[in-house]
Amino acid sequence: NQKVLDKAGKVDEKASSQTFSETTGAMHPNAEGQAAMADAIDDAMTKAGCMACHAADKKLVGPSFKDIAAKRKGDAAAMAPLMEKVRKGGSGVDGPVPMPPTGPDKINDADLKGAVEKMLKS
């Protein structure tokens, strides 16, 4: 891995965890960066309380991420309603137990988007 230094000569961890795509002209996370992003999303989901009721591949209090993803397979518009569901809470869509609302004070919008993306890839 090539390390990128900031102006002070210290390793810039964010820039060092990305690679430049000559095809798209954009920076993309390398394998190390992708792992760090996944860990950050997992941490955000745990801190927000998501993991108290949900698991990747088995039903706990709420449905598994795998079941949520399967129900929405092929739905390109699934992201926005799922993000709204987390923010507002509710029940009856994926089971009878109500899910409480989870505001931006518990998980910010960027982490929520990453969490829903991860869930939909389950």
Protein backbone atom coordinates (compact mmCIF):
# COMPACT_ATOMS: atom_id res chain seq x y z
CA ASN A 1 0.00 0.00 0.00
CA GLN A 2 1.26 3.40 -0.94
CA LYS A 3 1.03 5.96 1.87
CA VAL A 4 0.01 9.53 1.16
CA LEU A 5 1.51 12.26 3.31
CA ASP A 6 -0.29 15.44 4.35
CA LYS A 7 1.31 18.92 4.37
CA ALA A 8 2.87 18.25 7.77
CA GLY A 9 4.51 15.06 6.50
CA LYS A 10 2.21 12.75 8.46
CA VAL A 11 0.42 9.81 6.85
CA ASP A 12 -3.03 10.83 5.58
CA GLU A 13 -4.96 7.65 6.43
CA LYS A 14 -8.04 8.57 4.39
CA ALA A 15 -6.06 9.33 1.22
CA SER A 16 -3.83 6.30 1.79
CA SER A 17 -6.84 3.99 1.86
CA GLN A 18 -7.94 4.97 -1.65
CA THR A 19 -6.75 4.34 -5.17
CA PHE A 20 -7.19 6.49 -8.26
CA SER A 21 -9.21 5.07 -11.13
CA GLU A 22 -7.88 6.24 -14.47
CA THR A 23 -11.09 4.93 -16.05
CA THR A 24 -13.49 7.05 -14.00
CA GLY A 25 -11.09 9.72 -12.75
CA ALA A 26 -12.31 9.15 -9.20
CA MET A 27 -10.79 7.95 -5.96
CA HIS A 28 -12.03 4.55 -4.75
CA PRO A 29 -11.29 2.73 -1.50
CA ASN A 30 -8.69 -0.01 -1.84
CA ALA A 31 -9.17 -3.31 0.03
CA GLU A 32 -7.78 -1.81 3.24
CA GLY A 33 -10.03 1.22 2.88
CA GLN A 34 -13.08 -0.92 2.17
CA ALA A 35 -12.43 -2.99 5.30
CA ALA A 36 -12.05 0.18 7.39
CA MET A 37 -15.30 1.57 5.96
CA ALA A 38 -17.13 -1.69 6.72
CA ASP A 39 -15.81 -1.63 10.29
CA ALA A 40 -16.93 1.99 10.69
CA ILE A 41 -20.43 1.12 9.44
CA ASP A 42 -20.61 -1.87 11.81
CA ASP A 43 -19.54 0.38 14.70
CA ALA A 44 -22.12 3.02 13.78
CA MET A 45 -24.87 0.39 13.58
CA THR A 46 -23.90 -1.03 16.96
CA LYS A 47 -23.77 2.41 18.60
CA ALA A 48 -27.16 3.32 17.08
CA GLY A 49 -28.69 0.18 18.59
CA CYS A 50 -29.44 -1.59 15.29
CA MET A 51 -27.59 -4.74 16.31
CA ALA A 52 -29.66 -5.12 19.49
CA CYS A 53 -32.59 -6.23 17.31
CA HIS A 54 -31.09 -7.20 13.95
CA ALA A 55 -28.39 -9.60 12.74
CA ALA A 56 -26.91 -10.23 9.32
CA ASP A 57 -28.38 -13.66 8.71
CA LYS A 58 -30.83 -14.58 11.46
CA LYS A 59 -34.00 -13.11 12.91
CA LEU A 60 -33.65 -11.63 16.37
CA VAL A 61 -36.31 -9.17 17.54
CA GLY A 62 -36.46 -7.75 14.03
CA PRO A 63 -35.79 -9.37 10.66
CA SER A 64 -32.28 -10.25 9.51
CA PHE A 65 -30.54 -7.99 7.03
CA LYS A 66 -30.56 -10.93 4.62
CA ASP A 67 -34.37 -11.18 4.86
CA ILE A 68 -34.79 -7.41 4.45
CA ALA A 69 -32.57 -7.51 1.35
CA ALA A 70 -34.37 -10.54 -0.11
CA LYS A 71 -37.74 -8.82 0.26
CA ARG A 72 -36.42 -5.85 -1.72
CA LYS A 73 -34.32 -7.72 -4.29
CA GLY A 74 -34.47 -5.99 -7.66
CA ASP A 75 -36.00 -2.82 -6.19
CA ALA A 76 -33.65 -0.05 -7.31
CA ALA A 77 -35.63 2.44 -5.22
CA ALA A 78 -35.34 0.53 -1.91
CA MET A 79 -32.70 2.83 -0.40
CA ALA A 80 -34.86 5.88 0.35
CA PRO A 81 -37.81 4.04 1.97
CA LEU A 82 -35.47 1.97 4.15
CA MET A 83 -33.60 5.08 5.31
CA GLU A 84 -36.93 6.74 6.06
CA LYS A 85 -38.10 3.63 7.95
CA VAL A 86 -35.01 3.79 10.18
CA ARG A 87 -35.52 7.51 10.81
CA LYS A 88 -39.28 7.30 11.52
CA GLY A 89 -39.55 3.77 12.92
CA GLY A 90 -42.71 1.73 12.43
CA SER A 91 -44.07 -1.79 12.25
CA GLY A 92 -45.96 -4.21 10.08
CA VAL A 93 -43.69 -4.18 7.01
CA ASP A 94 -41.07 -6.70 8.11
CA GLY A 95 -42.80 -8.06 11.19
CA PRO A 96 -45.16 -7.14 14.04
CA VAL A 97 -42.61 -5.72 16.51
CA PRO A 98 -42.39 -1.92 16.28
CA MET A 99 -38.99 -0.45 15.44
CA PRO A 100 -38.35 2.81 17.28
CA PRO A 101 -37.23 5.87 15.32
CA THR A 102 -33.47 6.34 15.03
CA GLY A 103 -32.52 9.97 14.61
CA PRO A 104 -29.34 11.56 13.27
CA ASP A 105 -28.13 11.94 16.86
CA LYS A 106 -27.75 8.13 16.93
CA ILE A 107 -26.50 7.52 13.36
CA ASN A 108 -25.60 10.27 10.90
CA ASP A 109 -26.94 10.31 7.33
CA ALA A 110 -23.70 9.09 5.73
CA ASP A 111 -23.41 6.12 8.11
CA LEU A 112 -27.11 5.34 7.71
CA LYS A 113 -26.71 5.29 3.93
CA GLY A 114 -23.70 2.97 4.29
CA ALA A 115 -25.66 0.72 6.66
CA VAL A 116 -28.62 0.44 4.29
CA GLU A 117 -26.30 -0.21 1.33
CA LYS A 118 -24.60 -2.96 3.32
CA MET A 119 -27.97 -4.40 4.34
CA LEU A 120 -29.22 -4.46 0.75
CA LYS A 121 -26.08 -6.36 -0.32
CA SER A 122 -26.73 -9.06 2.31
